């Protein structure tokens, strides 16, 4: 899956250092469920056991890299894959130094085409904290529709934040 700018590719053992840096950046933990750092050994085991078989693992995680030189710029995931109901949750991360360049939007285009054409999915959905206005705008601009707000869904420090549920039905 690629275009002239980016490529979505399987995770490789050579991604260990990149994933280690991204996963252990505590500033990013507010948009994930991470509460403690990962060891290199844990990430290595994850990479070693990761098959990329969405039907077996109910997840597909891909590295987003620049098409020209292969520089990793982020990850995009199908989570909670449900083949019975033809849906999956979507996760997207773009490294800070690559944000604002349209790479997330392009990754959404590539993964959405893959979801429809190769997996036969009927819908994708995403949960986004209401205070993450940039991410909300990107998904809404791409065509995701806000279908609800879940109150006090994520805990950040000692407070709870509301999240929007956005959905794209094909």
N, C-alpha and C. Protein backbone atom coordinates (compact mmCIF):
# COMPACT_ATOMS: atom_id res chain seq x y z
N UNK A 1 0.85 -1.16 0.00
CA UNK A 1 0.00 0.00 0.00
C UNK A 1 0.90 1.23 0.00
N UNK A 2 0.84 1.97 -1.09
CA UNK A 2 1.68 3.16 -1.15
C UNK A 2 1.14 4.13 -2.18
N UNK A 3 1.62 5.34 -2.06
CA UNK A 3 1.38 6.37 -3.06
C UNK A 3 2.72 7.03 -3.34
N UNK A 4 2.73 8.20 -3.92
CA UNK A 4 4.00 8.86 -4.25
C UNK A 4 4.74 9.39 -3.02
N UNK A 5 4.02 9.53 -1.89
CA UNK A 5 4.61 10.15 -0.70
C UNK A 5 4.92 9.16 0.41
N UNK A 6 3.99 8.25 0.68
CA UNK A 6 4.15 7.33 1.81
C UNK A 6 3.90 5.88 1.40
N UNK A 7 4.35 5.01 2.27
CA UNK A 7 4.11 3.57 2.12
C UNK A 7 3.65 3.03 3.46
N UNK A 8 2.65 2.16 3.45
CA UNK A 8 2.24 1.42 4.63
C UNK A 8 2.85 0.03 4.50
N UNK A 9 3.71 -0.32 5.44
CA UNK A 9 4.42 -1.59 5.33
C UNK A 9 4.34 -2.36 6.64
N UNK A 10 4.60 -3.65 6.58
CA UNK A 10 4.60 -4.45 7.81
C UNK A 10 5.70 -3.99 8.76
N UNK A 11 5.51 -4.25 10.02
CA UNK A 11 6.55 -3.99 11.01
C UNK A 11 7.72 -4.93 10.78
N UNK A 12 8.91 -4.42 10.98
CA UNK A 12 10.14 -5.19 10.80
C UNK A 12 10.97 -5.13 12.07
N UNK A 13 11.85 -6.11 12.28
CA UNK A 13 12.75 -6.05 13.45
C UNK A 13 13.58 -4.77 13.48
N UNK A 14 13.87 -4.21 12.33
CA UNK A 14 14.66 -2.96 12.29
C UNK A 14 13.88 -1.77 12.83
N UNK A 15 12.58 -1.93 13.08
CA UNK A 15 11.76 -0.87 13.64
C UNK A 15 11.85 -0.79 15.16
N UNK A 16 12.62 -1.68 15.77
CA UNK A 16 12.68 -1.76 17.23
C UNK A 16 13.01 -0.41 17.87
N UNK A 17 14.07 0.24 17.44
CA UNK A 17 14.47 1.50 18.08
C UNK A 17 13.43 2.59 17.88
N UNK A 18 12.84 2.65 16.71
CA UNK A 18 11.81 3.65 16.44
C UNK A 18 10.60 3.42 17.34
N UNK A 19 10.12 2.18 17.40
CA UNK A 19 8.97 1.87 18.26
C UNK A 19 9.31 2.11 19.73
N UNK A 20 10.51 1.77 20.12
CA UNK A 20 10.94 1.99 21.51
C UNK A 20 10.84 3.47 21.87
N UNK A 21 11.31 4.33 21.00
CA UNK A 21 11.24 5.78 21.24
C UNK A 21 9.80 6.28 21.27
N UNK A 22 9.00 5.87 20.31
CA UNK A 22 7.62 6.33 20.26
C UNK A 22 6.80 5.80 21.43
N UNK A 23 6.88 4.52 21.70
CA UNK A 23 6.07 3.91 22.75
C UNK A 23 6.45 4.41 24.14
N UNK A 24 7.68 4.86 24.33
CA UNK A 24 8.14 5.30 25.63
C UNK A 24 8.16 6.81 25.80
N UNK A 25 7.58 7.52 24.86
CA UNK A 25 7.43 8.97 25.00
C UNK A 25 6.19 9.22 25.85
N UNK A 26 6.39 9.53 27.12
CA UNK A 26 5.27 9.67 28.05
C UNK A 26 4.31 10.80 27.65
N UNK A 27 4.76 11.74 26.85
CA UNK A 27 3.87 12.80 26.39
C UNK A 27 2.77 12.24 25.49
N UNK A 28 3.02 11.10 24.87
CA UNK A 28 2.03 10.49 23.98
C UNK A 28 1.06 9.58 24.71
N UNK A 29 1.34 9.26 25.94
CA UNK A 29 0.50 8.33 26.67
C UNK A 29 -0.91 8.85 26.89
N UNK A 30 -1.10 10.17 26.78
CA UNK A 30 -2.44 10.72 26.99
C UNK A 30 -3.40 10.33 25.87
N UNK A 31 -2.88 9.88 24.72
CA UNK A 31 -3.77 9.47 23.63
C UNK A 31 -3.76 7.95 23.45
N UNK A 32 -3.17 7.25 24.37
CA UNK A 32 -3.17 5.79 24.31
C UNK A 32 -3.50 5.26 25.70
N UNK A 33 -3.50 3.98 25.84
CA UNK A 33 -3.78 3.37 27.14
C UNK A 33 -2.49 2.99 27.86
N UNK A 34 -1.37 3.55 27.43
CA UNK A 34 -0.09 3.22 28.03
C UNK A 34 0.06 3.92 29.38
N UNK A 35 0.53 3.18 30.37
CA UNK A 35 0.73 3.77 31.69
C UNK A 35 2.15 3.53 32.22
N UNK A 36 2.95 2.78 31.48
CA UNK A 36 4.32 2.49 31.90
C UNK A 36 5.16 2.25 30.65
N UNK A 37 6.46 2.49 30.75
CA UNK A 37 7.33 2.29 29.58
C UNK A 37 7.46 0.82 29.21
N UNK A 38 7.76 0.60 27.94
CA UNK A 38 8.02 -0.75 27.43
C UNK A 38 9.53 -1.00 27.43
N UNK A 39 9.92 -2.21 27.73
CA UNK A 39 11.33 -2.57 27.62
C UNK A 39 11.63 -2.93 26.16
N UNK A 40 12.89 -2.87 25.80
CA UNK A 40 13.30 -3.31 24.46
C UNK A 40 12.96 -4.79 24.28
N UNK A 41 13.13 -5.56 25.33
CA UNK A 41 12.84 -7.00 25.26
C UNK A 41 11.36 -7.24 24.97
N UNK A 42 10.48 -6.49 25.61
CA UNK A 42 9.04 -6.65 25.38
C UNK A 42 8.68 -6.27 23.94
N UNK A 43 9.25 -5.17 23.46
CA UNK A 43 8.97 -4.76 22.08
C UNK A 43 9.57 -5.75 21.08
N UNK A 44 10.76 -6.26 21.38
CA UNK A 44 11.37 -7.25 20.50
C UNK A 44 10.48 -8.50 20.42
N UNK A 45 9.96 -8.94 21.57
CA UNK A 45 9.09 -10.11 21.58
C UNK A 45 7.82 -9.84 20.77
N UNK A 46 7.28 -8.63 20.90
CA UNK A 46 6.11 -8.24 20.12
C UNK A 46 6.42 -8.34 18.62
N UNK A 47 7.55 -7.76 18.20
CA UNK A 47 7.93 -7.79 16.79
C UNK A 47 8.19 -9.22 16.32
N UNK A 48 8.82 -10.00 17.16
CA UNK A 48 9.16 -11.37 16.80
C UNK A 48 7.92 -12.25 16.63
N UNK A 49 6.89 -12.00 17.43
CA UNK A 49 5.68 -12.81 17.39
C UNK A 49 4.58 -12.23 16.51
N UNK A 50 4.79 -11.03 16.03
CA UNK A 50 3.75 -10.37 15.23
C UNK A 50 3.71 -10.97 13.84
N UNK A 51 2.53 -11.46 13.45
CA UNK A 51 2.40 -12.10 12.14
C UNK A 51 1.76 -11.20 11.10
N UNK A 52 1.03 -10.19 11.55
CA UNK A 52 0.31 -9.35 10.60
C UNK A 52 -0.95 -10.01 10.07
N UNK A 53 -1.32 -11.15 10.66
CA UNK A 53 -2.54 -11.86 10.26
C UNK A 53 -3.71 -11.29 11.05
N UNK A 54 -4.44 -10.39 10.42
CA UNK A 54 -5.54 -9.71 11.10
C UNK A 54 -6.63 -10.68 11.57
N UNK A 55 -6.79 -11.79 10.87
CA UNK A 55 -7.82 -12.74 11.26
C UNK A 55 -7.42 -13.53 12.51
N UNK A 56 -6.14 -13.80 12.67
CA UNK A 56 -5.67 -14.55 13.84
C UNK A 56 -5.47 -13.63 15.05
N UNK A 57 -4.93 -12.44 14.82
CA UNK A 57 -4.59 -11.56 15.93
C UNK A 57 -5.62 -10.47 16.20
N UNK A 58 -6.61 -10.32 15.32
CA UNK A 58 -7.65 -9.29 15.43
C UNK A 58 -7.06 -7.88 15.45
N UNK A 59 -5.85 -7.76 14.90
CA UNK A 59 -5.16 -6.48 14.82
C UNK A 59 -4.24 -6.51 13.61
N UNK A 60 -4.05 -5.34 13.02
CA UNK A 60 -3.05 -5.18 11.96
C UNK A 60 -2.38 -3.84 12.20
N UNK A 61 -1.09 -3.88 12.48
CA UNK A 61 -0.33 -2.65 12.72
C UNK A 61 0.68 -2.50 11.60
N UNK A 62 0.68 -1.32 10.98
CA UNK A 62 1.57 -1.04 9.87
C UNK A 62 2.40 0.20 10.16
N UNK A 63 3.62 0.19 9.66
CA UNK A 63 4.50 1.35 9.76
C UNK A 63 4.20 2.26 8.58
N UNK A 64 4.10 3.55 8.86
CA UNK A 64 3.97 4.56 7.80
C UNK A 64 5.38 5.09 7.56
N UNK A 65 5.86 4.95 6.34
CA UNK A 65 7.21 5.44 6.04
C UNK A 65 7.17 6.28 4.77
N UNK A 66 8.16 7.16 4.65
CA UNK A 66 8.25 7.99 3.45
C UNK A 66 8.63 7.12 2.26
N UNK A 67 7.97 7.34 1.15
CA UNK A 67 8.20 6.51 -0.03
C UNK A 67 9.60 6.67 -0.59
N UNK A 68 10.17 7.85 -0.49
CA UNK A 68 11.49 8.10 -1.08
C UNK A 68 12.63 7.39 -0.39
N UNK A 69 12.70 7.54 0.94
CA UNK A 69 13.85 6.97 1.66
C UNK A 69 13.50 5.97 2.75
N UNK A 70 12.21 5.70 2.94
CA UNK A 70 11.80 4.69 3.92
C UNK A 70 11.81 5.18 5.36
N UNK A 71 11.98 6.47 5.58
CA UNK A 71 11.99 7.01 6.95
C UNK A 71 10.64 6.74 7.62
N UNK A 72 10.63 6.08 8.78
CA UNK A 72 9.38 5.87 9.51
C UNK A 72 8.83 7.20 10.03
N UNK A 73 7.54 7.43 9.81
CA UNK A 73 6.91 8.67 10.26
C UNK A 73 5.72 8.42 11.18
N UNK A 74 5.30 7.17 11.32
CA UNK A 74 4.16 6.88 12.18
C UNK A 74 3.69 5.46 12.03
N UNK A 75 2.58 5.18 12.67
CA UNK A 75 1.95 3.86 12.57
C UNK A 75 0.45 4.04 12.36
N UNK A 76 -0.15 3.03 11.76
CA UNK A 76 -1.60 3.01 11.59
C UNK A 76 -2.05 1.59 11.86
N UNK A 77 -3.15 1.46 12.59
CA UNK A 77 -3.58 0.15 13.08
C UNK A 77 -5.06 -0.09 12.84
N UNK A 78 -5.38 -1.34 12.59
CA UNK A 78 -6.73 -1.84 12.79
C UNK A 78 -6.70 -2.53 14.14
N UNK A 79 -7.61 -2.17 15.03
CA UNK A 79 -7.74 -2.79 16.34
C UNK A 79 -9.15 -3.37 16.45
N UNK A 80 -9.31 -4.29 17.37
CA UNK A 80 -10.65 -4.84 17.62
C UNK A 80 -11.35 -5.25 16.33
N UNK A 81 -10.59 -5.87 15.45
CA UNK A 81 -11.13 -6.34 14.17
C UNK A 81 -12.24 -7.35 14.44
N UNK A 82 -13.39 -7.12 13.84
CA UNK A 82 -14.56 -7.97 14.03
C UNK A 82 -15.03 -8.47 12.66
N UNK A 83 -14.55 -9.66 12.23
CA UNK A 83 -14.91 -10.15 10.90
C UNK A 83 -16.38 -10.53 10.76
N UNK A 84 -17.03 -10.86 11.86
CA UNK A 84 -18.45 -11.19 11.80
C UNK A 84 -19.28 -9.98 11.39
N UNK A 85 -18.95 -8.83 11.96
CA UNK A 85 -19.70 -7.61 11.68
C UNK A 85 -18.98 -6.69 10.70
N UNK A 86 -17.86 -7.16 10.15
CA UNK A 86 -17.11 -6.41 9.13
C UNK A 86 -16.77 -4.99 9.56
N UNK A 87 -16.12 -4.89 10.74
CA UNK A 87 -15.72 -3.58 11.23
C UNK A 87 -14.40 -3.69 11.99
N UNK A 88 -13.76 -2.53 12.15
CA UNK A 88 -12.53 -2.45 12.93
C UNK A 88 -12.37 -1.04 13.46
N UNK A 89 -11.75 -0.96 14.63
CA UNK A 89 -11.35 0.32 15.18
C UNK A 89 -10.04 0.72 14.50
N UNK A 90 -9.83 2.00 14.39
CA UNK A 90 -8.64 2.52 13.73
C UNK A 90 -7.80 3.30 14.74
N UNK A 91 -6.50 3.11 14.66
CA UNK A 91 -5.55 3.90 15.44
C UNK A 91 -4.54 4.52 14.50
N UNK A 92 -4.15 5.75 14.76
CA UNK A 92 -3.22 6.45 13.89
C UNK A 92 -2.27 7.29 14.73
N UNK A 93 -0.98 7.20 14.42
CA UNK A 93 0.03 8.01 15.09
C UNK A 93 0.99 8.55 14.04
N UNK A 94 1.24 9.85 14.09
CA UNK A 94 2.25 10.50 13.25
C UNK A 94 3.23 11.17 14.20
N UNK A 95 4.53 10.91 14.01
CA UNK A 95 5.56 11.50 14.85
C UNK A 95 5.49 13.03 14.75
N UNK A 96 5.78 13.70 15.85
CA UNK A 96 5.63 15.15 15.95
C UNK A 96 6.30 15.91 14.81
N UNK A 97 7.51 15.50 14.45
CA UNK A 97 8.25 16.24 13.41
C UNK A 97 7.66 16.06 12.01
N UNK A 98 6.68 15.17 11.86
CA UNK A 98 6.08 14.93 10.54
C UNK A 98 4.61 15.35 10.49
N UNK A 99 4.10 15.92 11.56
CA UNK A 99 2.70 16.34 11.59
C UNK A 99 2.49 17.60 10.76
N UNK A 100 1.27 17.79 10.31
CA UNK A 100 0.92 19.00 9.56
C UNK A 100 1.31 18.94 8.10
N UNK A 101 1.69 17.77 7.61
CA UNK A 101 2.12 17.62 6.21
C UNK A 101 1.14 16.78 5.39
N UNK A 102 0.02 16.41 6.00
CA UNK A 102 -0.98 15.61 5.29
C UNK A 102 -0.69 14.12 5.26
N UNK A 103 0.31 13.67 6.01
CA UNK A 103 0.67 12.25 5.98
C UNK A 103 -0.39 11.37 6.64
N UNK A 104 -1.00 11.86 7.71
CA UNK A 104 -2.07 11.10 8.36
C UNK A 104 -3.25 10.91 7.43
N UNK A 105 -3.62 11.96 6.73
CA UNK A 105 -4.72 11.90 5.77
C UNK A 105 -4.41 10.89 4.66
N UNK A 106 -3.19 10.91 4.16
CA UNK A 106 -2.80 9.96 3.12
C UNK A 106 -2.82 8.52 3.63
N UNK A 107 -2.36 8.33 4.86
CA UNK A 107 -2.38 6.99 5.46
C UNK A 107 -3.82 6.49 5.60
N UNK A 108 -4.73 7.40 5.99
CA UNK A 108 -6.15 7.04 6.08
C UNK A 108 -6.69 6.60 4.73
N UNK A 109 -6.32 7.31 3.68
CA UNK A 109 -6.78 6.95 2.33
C UNK A 109 -6.33 5.55 1.95
N UNK A 110 -5.05 5.27 2.17
CA UNK A 110 -4.51 3.96 1.80
C UNK A 110 -5.14 2.83 2.61
N UNK A 111 -5.26 3.05 3.92
CA UNK A 111 -5.80 1.99 4.77
C UNK A 111 -7.29 1.79 4.54
N UNK A 112 -8.00 2.87 4.26
CA UNK A 112 -9.43 2.75 3.99
C UNK A 112 -9.66 1.95 2.70
N UNK A 113 -8.88 2.22 1.68
CA UNK A 113 -9.00 1.45 0.43
C UNK A 113 -8.71 -0.02 0.69
N UNK A 114 -7.69 -0.31 1.49
CA UNK A 114 -7.36 -1.69 1.84
C UNK A 114 -8.51 -2.34 2.61
N UNK A 115 -9.11 -1.60 3.54
CA UNK A 115 -10.22 -2.13 4.34
C UNK A 115 -11.40 -2.52 3.45
N UNK A 116 -11.71 -1.67 2.50
CA UNK A 116 -12.85 -1.94 1.61
C UNK A 116 -12.54 -3.02 0.59
N UNK A 117 -11.43 -2.86 -0.11
CA UNK A 117 -11.14 -3.70 -1.27
C UNK A 117 -10.59 -5.08 -0.92
N UNK A 118 -9.82 -5.19 0.16
CA UNK A 118 -9.16 -6.46 0.46
C UNK A 118 -9.74 -7.19 1.67
N UNK A 119 -10.24 -6.44 2.63
CA UNK A 119 -10.80 -7.08 3.82
C UNK A 119 -12.32 -7.14 3.77
N UNK A 120 -12.93 -6.37 2.89
CA UNK A 120 -14.39 -6.36 2.79
C UNK A 120 -15.08 -5.75 4.00
N UNK A 121 -14.39 -4.83 4.67
CA UNK A 121 -15.00 -4.21 5.85
C UNK A 121 -16.14 -3.29 5.44
N UNK A 122 -17.09 -3.16 6.31
CA UNK A 122 -18.26 -2.30 6.10
C UNK A 122 -18.09 -0.96 6.80
N UNK A 123 -17.29 -0.97 7.90
CA UNK A 123 -17.13 0.28 8.63
C UNK A 123 -15.84 0.30 9.44
N UNK A 124 -15.37 1.52 9.65
CA UNK A 124 -14.23 1.81 10.52
C UNK A 124 -14.72 2.82 11.55
N UNK A 125 -14.15 2.75 12.75
CA UNK A 125 -14.52 3.71 13.78
C UNK A 125 -13.29 4.09 14.59
N UNK A 126 -13.38 5.23 15.26
CA UNK A 126 -12.26 5.75 16.04
C UNK A 126 -12.81 6.51 17.24
N UNK A 127 -12.10 6.40 18.35
CA UNK A 127 -12.40 7.18 19.55
C UNK A 127 -11.35 8.28 19.66
N UNK A 128 -11.80 9.53 19.81
CA UNK A 128 -10.88 10.66 19.90
C UNK A 128 -11.33 11.58 21.04
N UNK A 129 -10.39 11.90 21.94
CA UNK A 129 -10.72 12.83 23.03
C UNK A 129 -11.16 14.17 22.45
N UNK A 130 -12.18 14.75 23.05
CA UNK A 130 -12.73 15.99 22.53
C UNK A 130 -11.73 17.14 22.53
N UNK A 131 -10.72 17.07 23.40
CA UNK A 131 -9.73 18.15 23.40
C UNK A 131 -8.64 17.95 22.34
N UNK A 132 -8.69 16.86 21.60
CA UNK A 132 -7.74 16.62 20.51
C UNK A 132 -8.37 17.15 19.21
N UNK A 133 -8.47 18.46 19.14
CA UNK A 133 -9.21 19.10 18.04
C UNK A 133 -8.57 18.88 16.68
N UNK A 134 -7.25 18.82 16.62
CA UNK A 134 -6.56 18.61 15.34
C UNK A 134 -6.93 17.24 14.77
N UNK A 135 -6.88 16.23 15.62
CA UNK A 135 -7.22 14.87 15.17
C UNK A 135 -8.70 14.76 14.80
N UNK A 136 -9.56 15.34 15.60
CA UNK A 136 -10.99 15.33 15.27
C UNK A 136 -11.24 15.96 13.90
N UNK A 137 -10.61 17.11 13.66
CA UNK A 137 -10.79 17.79 12.38
C UNK A 137 -10.30 16.93 11.22
N UNK A 138 -9.15 16.29 11.38
CA UNK A 138 -8.61 15.47 10.30
C UNK A 138 -9.58 14.33 9.94
N UNK A 139 -10.08 13.62 10.94
CA UNK A 139 -11.00 12.52 10.66
C UNK A 139 -12.31 13.03 10.09
N UNK A 140 -12.83 14.12 10.61
CA UNK A 140 -14.08 14.67 10.08
C UNK A 140 -13.88 15.19 8.65
N UNK A 141 -12.76 15.82 8.39
CA UNK A 141 -12.47 16.28 7.02
C UNK A 141 -12.36 15.10 6.06
N UNK A 142 -11.88 13.98 6.55
CA UNK A 142 -11.75 12.80 5.69
C UNK A 142 -13.10 12.15 5.42
N UNK A 143 -14.10 12.43 6.24
CA UNK A 143 -15.42 11.87 6.00
C UNK A 143 -15.99 11.05 7.14
N UNK A 144 -15.26 10.96 8.25
CA UNK A 144 -15.81 10.29 9.42
C UNK A 144 -16.89 11.17 10.02
N UNK A 145 -17.93 10.53 10.50
CA UNK A 145 -19.06 11.26 11.08
C UNK A 145 -19.07 11.03 12.58
N UNK A 146 -19.21 12.12 13.31
CA UNK A 146 -19.30 12.02 14.77
C UNK A 146 -20.68 11.46 15.11
N UNK A 147 -20.71 10.29 15.74
CA UNK A 147 -21.98 9.63 16.01
C UNK A 147 -22.33 9.63 17.50
N UNK A 148 -21.43 10.12 18.31
CA UNK A 148 -21.73 10.19 19.73
C UNK A 148 -20.55 10.70 20.54
N UNK A 149 -20.87 11.03 21.77
CA UNK A 149 -19.86 11.42 22.74
C UNK A 149 -20.02 10.52 23.95
N UNK A 150 -18.92 9.97 24.38
CA UNK A 150 -18.92 9.11 25.57
C UNK A 150 -18.32 9.92 26.71
N UNK A 151 -19.10 10.11 27.74
CA UNK A 151 -18.67 10.97 28.83
C UNK A 151 -17.70 10.27 29.78
N UNK A 152 -16.73 11.02 30.26
CA UNK A 152 -15.75 10.55 31.25
C UNK A 152 -15.12 9.23 30.84
N UNK A 153 -14.74 9.10 29.59
CA UNK A 153 -14.27 7.83 29.02
C UNK A 153 -12.79 7.55 29.30
N UNK A 154 -11.97 8.60 29.27
CA UNK A 154 -10.54 8.40 29.50
C UNK A 154 -10.07 9.24 30.68
N UNK A 155 -9.20 8.64 31.48
CA UNK A 155 -8.65 9.33 32.64
C UNK A 155 -7.31 9.93 32.28
N UNK A 156 -7.13 11.20 32.56
CA UNK A 156 -5.88 11.91 32.34
C UNK A 156 -5.50 12.57 33.66
N UNK A 157 -4.52 12.00 34.31
CA UNK A 157 -4.18 12.49 35.65
C UNK A 157 -5.30 12.15 36.61
N UNK A 158 -5.86 13.16 37.22
CA UNK A 158 -6.95 12.92 38.17
C UNK A 158 -8.31 13.30 37.60
N UNK A 159 -8.36 13.64 36.32
CA UNK A 159 -9.64 14.02 35.71
C UNK A 159 -10.01 13.04 34.60
N UNK A 160 -11.28 13.04 34.28
CA UNK A 160 -11.79 12.21 33.20
C UNK A 160 -12.21 13.10 32.04
N UNK A 161 -11.98 12.61 30.83
CA UNK A 161 -12.29 13.40 29.64
C UNK A 161 -13.29 12.65 28.77
N UNK A 162 -14.09 13.44 28.08
CA UNK A 162 -15.05 12.88 27.14
C UNK A 162 -14.35 12.56 25.83
N UNK A 163 -14.86 11.55 25.13
CA UNK A 163 -14.34 11.23 23.80
C UNK A 163 -15.48 11.19 22.81
N UNK A 164 -15.13 11.50 21.58
CA UNK A 164 -16.09 11.39 20.48
C UNK A 164 -15.90 10.04 19.82
N UNK A 165 -16.98 9.44 19.42
CA UNK A 165 -16.96 8.23 18.60
C UNK A 165 -17.27 8.68 17.18
N UNK A 166 -16.33 8.44 16.29
CA UNK A 166 -16.50 8.78 14.89
C UNK A 166 -16.55 7.50 14.08
N UNK A 167 -17.32 7.50 13.02
CA UNK A 167 -17.55 6.29 12.24
C UNK A 167 -17.58 6.62 10.75
N UNK A 168 -17.03 5.70 9.99
CA UNK A 168 -17.15 5.76 8.53
C UNK A 168 -17.78 4.45 8.08
N UNK A 169 -18.95 4.56 7.46
CA UNK A 169 -19.64 3.39 6.94
C UNK A 169 -19.53 3.45 5.42
N UNK A 170 -19.10 2.35 4.81
CA UNK A 170 -18.93 2.31 3.36
C UNK A 170 -20.20 1.83 2.69
